[in-house]
Amino acid sequence: MSAEAQNEGGSIADTLKLVLALGLLVIGIVGFYQFQDQPTWVRLLGLLAIVAVAGVVTVQTRVGRGIWRFALESRTEVRKVVWPSRQETLQTLLIIMIFVLVMALFLWAVDSILFMIVRYATGQG
C-alpha cells in the first residue's frame, strides 16, 4: 500500500512540475510580447532562458525522463543508418525524374484523348 501511495505522490509531483513548466512557457511567451520596447535579442534570450528552465523542470518528471531517453536512443539509431552515397542518390533522383516525366506524358495523353471523346460526344468537335 505504501508503494501505491508513493507512486501517487510521484504522479502528483510530476503533474505539478509539468504545470509549472507549462506556466513558465506561457510566462515566457507573454513576456516576449509584453516587453516590445526592449531589443529583440534581449527578449529572445529571455525567452530561450525560460524555455531552458521549463525543459529542465520537465526532465525532472517521469514523462520528461522518458522523452529524454527516447531522444537519446533516436540519436543513437540515426547514427546506425547507412546513408546512400552521392552517386546512389543522384541515380535514384534520375530514375524518379524519368518516371515522373513518363507518367506526366501518359496522363497528358489520356486527358487529351478523353477530352476529344467528350467534345465528340457533346457535339462540339
C-alpha atoms as a PDB file:
ATOM      1  CA  MET A   1       0.000   0.000   0.000  1.00  0.00           C
ATOM      2  CA  SER A   2       2.845   2.402   0.703  1.00  0.00           C
ATOM      3  CA  ALA A   3       4.208   1.748  -2.788  1.00  0.00           C
ATOM      4  CA  GLU A   4       0.850   2.807  -4.260  1.00  0.00           C
ATOM      5  CA  ALA A   5       0.790   5.923  -2.106  1.00  0.00           C
ATOM      6  CA  GLN A   6       4.360   6.710  -3.082  1.00  0.00           C
ATOM      7  CA  ASN A   7       3.517   6.214  -6.760  1.00  0.00           C
ATOM      8  CA  GLU A   8       0.513   8.538  -6.449  1.00  0.00           C
ATOM      9  CA  GLY A   9       2.648  11.141  -4.693  1.00  0.00           C
ATOM     10  CA  GLY A  10       5.157  10.939  -7.525  1.00  0.00           C
ATOM     11  CA  SER A  11       2.474  11.393 -10.129  1.00  0.00           C
ATOM     12  CA  ILE A  12       1.044  14.406  -8.281  1.00  0.00           C
ATOM     13  CA  ALA A  13       4.522  15.906  -8.015  1.00  0.00           C
ATOM     14  CA  ASP A  14       5.101  15.144 -11.700  1.00  0.00           C
ATOM     15  CA  THR A  15       1.809  16.805 -12.588  1.00  0.00           C
ATOM     16  CA  LEU A  16       2.740  19.881 -10.566  1.00  0.00           C
ATOM     17  CA  LYS A  17       6.146  20.034 -12.254  1.00  0.00           C
ATOM     18  CA  LEU A  18       4.551  19.765 -15.695  1.00  0.00           C
ATOM     19  CA  VAL A  19       2.043  22.508 -14.807  1.00  0.00           C
ATOM     20  CA  LEU A  20       4.953  24.652 -13.578  1.00  0.00           C
ATOM     21  CA  ALA A  21       6.842  24.051 -16.837  1.00  0.00           C
ATOM     22  CA  LEU A  22       3.762  24.949 -18.884  1.00  0.00           C
ATOM     23  CA  GLY A  23       3.258  28.061 -16.752  1.00  0.00           C
ATOM     24  CA  LEU A  24       6.867  29.070 -17.333  1.00  0.00           C
ATOM     25  CA  LEU A  25       6.395  28.694 -21.086  1.00  0.00           C
ATOM     26  CA  VAL A  26       3.254  30.827 -21.013  1.00  0.00           C
ATOM     27  CA  ILE A  27       5.024  33.476 -18.909  1.00  0.00           C
ATOM     28  CA  GLY A  28       7.958  33.446 -21.325  1.00  0.00           C
ATOM     29  CA  ILE A  29       5.758  33.893 -24.386  1.00  0.00           C
ATOM     30  CA  VAL A  30       3.669  36.622 -22.742  1.00  0.00           C
ATOM     31  CA  GLY A  31       6.849  38.358 -21.569  1.00  0.00           C
ATOM     32  CA  PHE A  32       8.316  38.202 -25.061  1.00  0.00           C
ATOM     33  CA  TYR A  33       5.394  40.185 -26.428  1.00  0.00           C
ATOM     34  CA  GLN A  34       4.919  42.350 -23.326  1.00  0.00           C
ATOM     35  CA  PHE A  35       8.411  43.851 -23.497  1.00  0.00           C
ATOM     36  CA  GLN A  36       8.247  45.045 -27.093  1.00  0.00           C
ATOM     37  CA  ASP A  37      10.229  48.174 -26.253  1.00  0.00           C
ATOM     38  CA  GLN A  38      13.289  46.017 -25.495  1.00  0.00           C
ATOM     39  CA  PRO A  39      15.649  44.908 -28.280  1.00  0.00           C
ATOM     40  CA  THR A  40      14.638  41.671 -29.963  1.00  0.00           C
ATOM     41  CA  TRP A  41      17.831  39.881 -28.971  1.00  0.00           C
ATOM     42  CA  VAL A  42      17.180  40.620 -25.273  1.00  0.00           C
ATOM     43  CA  ARG A  43      13.619  39.330 -25.499  1.00  0.00           C
ATOM     44  CA  LEU A  44      14.790  36.268 -27.415  1.00  0.00           C
ATOM     45  CA  LEU A  45      17.496  35.468 -24.868  1.00  0.00           C
ATOM     46  CA  GLY A  46      14.946  35.804 -22.062  1.00  0.00           C
ATOM     47  CA  LEU A  47      12.525  33.513 -23.868  1.00  0.00           C
ATOM     48  CA  LEU A  48      15.237  30.931 -24.530  1.00  0.00           C
ATOM     49  CA  ALA A  49      16.311  31.038 -20.879  1.00  0.00           C
ATOM     50  CA  ILE A  50      12.744  30.424 -19.715  1.00  0.00           C
ATOM     51  CA  VAL A  51      12.327  27.601 -22.247  1.00  0.00           C
ATOM     52  CA  ALA A  52      15.558  26.041 -20.950  1.00  0.00           C
ATOM     53  CA  VAL A  53      14.343  26.267 -17.340  1.00  0.00           C
ATOM     54  CA  ALA A  54      10.987  24.760 -18.352  1.00  0.00           C
ATOM     55  CA  GLY A  55      12.871  21.959 -20.105  1.00  0.00           C
ATOM     56  CA  VAL A  56      14.946  21.253 -17.001  1.00  0.00           C
ATOM     57  CA  VAL A  57      11.779  21.162 -14.887  1.00  0.00           C
ATOM     58  CA  THR A  58      10.117  18.829 -17.399  1.00  0.00           C
ATOM     59  CA  VAL A  59      13.066  16.418 -17.447  1.00  0.00           C
ATOM     60  CA  GLN A  60      12.656  16.030 -13.690  1.00  0.00           C
ATOM     61  CA  THR A  61       9.348  14.200 -14.270  1.00  0.00           C
ATOM     62  CA  ARG A  62       8.841  10.585 -15.274  1.00  0.00           C
ATOM     63  CA  VAL A  63       7.385  11.652 -18.626  1.00  0.00           C
ATOM     64  CA  GLY A  64      10.263  14.067 -19.224  1.00  0.00           C
ATOM     65  CA  ARG A  65      12.859  11.399 -18.465  1.00  0.00           C
ATOM     66  CA  GLY A  66      11.100   9.069 -20.904  1.00  0.00           C
ATOM     67  CA  ILE A  67      11.128  11.713 -23.625  1.00  0.00           C
ATOM     68  CA  TRP A  68      14.801  12.461 -22.964  1.00  0.00           C
ATOM     69  CA  ARG A  69      15.666   8.753 -23.109  1.00  0.00           C
ATOM     70  CA  PHE A  70      13.713   8.426 -26.357  1.00  0.00           C
ATOM     71  CA  ALA A  71      15.610  11.376 -27.869  1.00  0.00           C
ATOM     72  CA  LEU A  72      18.970   9.872 -26.915  1.00  0.00           C
ATOM     73  CA  GLU A  73      18.005   6.462 -28.302  1.00  0.00           C
ATOM     74  CA  SER A  74      16.726   8.070 -31.515  1.00  0.00           C
ATOM     75  CA  ARG A  75      20.037   9.846 -31.947  1.00  0.00           C
ATOM     76  CA  THR A  76      21.841   6.530 -31.498  1.00  0.00           C
ATOM     77  CA  GLU A  77      19.618   4.876 -34.109  1.00  0.00           C
ATOM     78  CA  VAL A  78      20.174   7.694 -36.623  1.00  0.00           C
ATOM     79  CA  ARG A  79      23.895   7.142 -36.302  1.00  0.00           C
ATOM     80  CA  LYS A  80      23.380   3.475 -37.231  1.00  0.00           C
ATOM     81  CA  VAL A  81      21.679   4.339 -40.525  1.00  0.00           C
ATOM     82  CA  VAL A  82      23.684   3.598 -43.655  1.00  0.00           C
ATOM     83  CA  TRP A  83      23.138   6.673 -45.792  1.00  0.00           C
ATOM     84  CA  PRO A  84      23.334   6.361 -49.589  1.00  0.00           C
ATOM     85  CA  SER A  85      26.338   7.724 -51.411  1.00  0.00           C
ATOM     86  CA  ARG A  86      26.117  10.792 -53.639  1.00  0.00           C
ATOM     87  CA  GLN A  87      26.158   8.598 -56.761  1.00  0.00           C
ATOM     88  CA  GLU A  88      23.324   6.395 -55.456  1.00  0.00           C
ATOM     89  CA  THR A  89      21.291   9.467 -54.558  1.00  0.00           C
ATOM     90  CA  LEU A  90      21.766  11.030 -57.997  1.00  0.00           C
ATOM     91  CA  GLN A  91      20.900   7.761 -59.763  1.00  0.00           C
ATOM     92  CA  THR A  92      17.732   7.405 -57.720  1.00  0.00           C
ATOM     93  CA  LEU A  93      16.835  11.025 -58.431  1.00  0.00           C
ATOM     94  CA  LEU A  94      17.332  10.473 -62.165  1.00  0.00           C
ATOM     95  CA  ILE A  95      15.127   7.376 -62.148  1.00  0.00           C
ATOM     96  CA  ILE A  96      12.396   9.241 -60.264  1.00  0.00           C
ATOM     97  CA  MET A  97      12.570  12.236 -62.613  1.00  0.00           C
ATOM     98  CA  ILE A  98      12.303   9.993 -65.688  1.00  0.00           C
ATOM     99  CA  PHE A  99       9.368   8.124 -64.163  1.00  0.00           C
ATOM    100  CA  VAL A 100       7.590  11.384 -63.323  1.00  0.00           C
ATOM    101  CA  LEU A 101       8.147  12.662 -66.868  1.00  0.00           C
ATOM    102  CA  VAL A 102       6.807   9.424 -68.415  1.00  0.00           C
ATOM    103  CA  MET A 103       3.772   9.460 -66.120  1.00  0.00           C
ATOM    104  CA  ALA A 104       3.111  13.135 -66.907  1.00  0.00           C
ATOM    105  CA  LEU A 105       3.200  12.406 -70.650  1.00  0.00           C
ATOM    106  CA  PHE A 106       0.960   9.370 -70.214  1.00  0.00           C
ATOM    107  CA  LEU A 107      -1.594  11.302 -68.155  1.00  0.00           C
ATOM    108  CA  TRP A 108      -1.484  14.175 -70.649  1.00  0.00           C
ATOM    109  CA  ALA A 109      -2.210  11.725 -73.487  1.00  0.00           C
ATOM    110  CA  VAL A 110      -5.081  10.081 -71.586  1.00  0.00           C
ATOM    111  CA  ASP A 111      -6.512  13.505 -70.703  1.00  0.00           C
ATOM    112  CA  SER A 112      -6.290  14.652 -74.334  1.00  0.00           C
ATOM    113  CA  ILE A 113      -7.987  11.507 -75.587  1.00  0.00           C
ATOM    114  CA  LEU A 114     -10.769  11.792 -73.024  1.00  0.00           C
ATOM    115  CA  PHE A 115     -11.190  15.494 -73.857  1.00  0.00           C
ATOM    116  CA  MET A 116     -11.574  14.654 -77.562  1.00  0.00           C
ATOM    117  CA  ILE A 117     -14.092  11.908 -76.751  1.00  0.00           C
ATOM    118  CA  VAL A 118     -16.153  14.274 -74.593  1.00  0.00           C
ATOM    119  CA  ARG A 119     -16.044  17.002 -77.276  1.00  0.00           C
ATOM    120  CA  TYR A 120     -17.158  14.496 -79.900  1.00  0.00           C
ATOM    121  CA  ALA A 121     -19.900  13.084 -77.623  1.00  0.00           C
ATOM    122  CA  THR A 122     -21.297  16.539 -76.845  1.00  0.00           C
ATOM    123  CA  GLY A 123     -21.190  17.628 -80.498  1.00  0.00           C
ATOM    124  CA  GLN A 124     -18.608  20.365 -80.037  1.00  0.00           C
ATOM    125  CA  GLY A 125     -15.914  18.831 -82.154  1.00  0.00           C
END
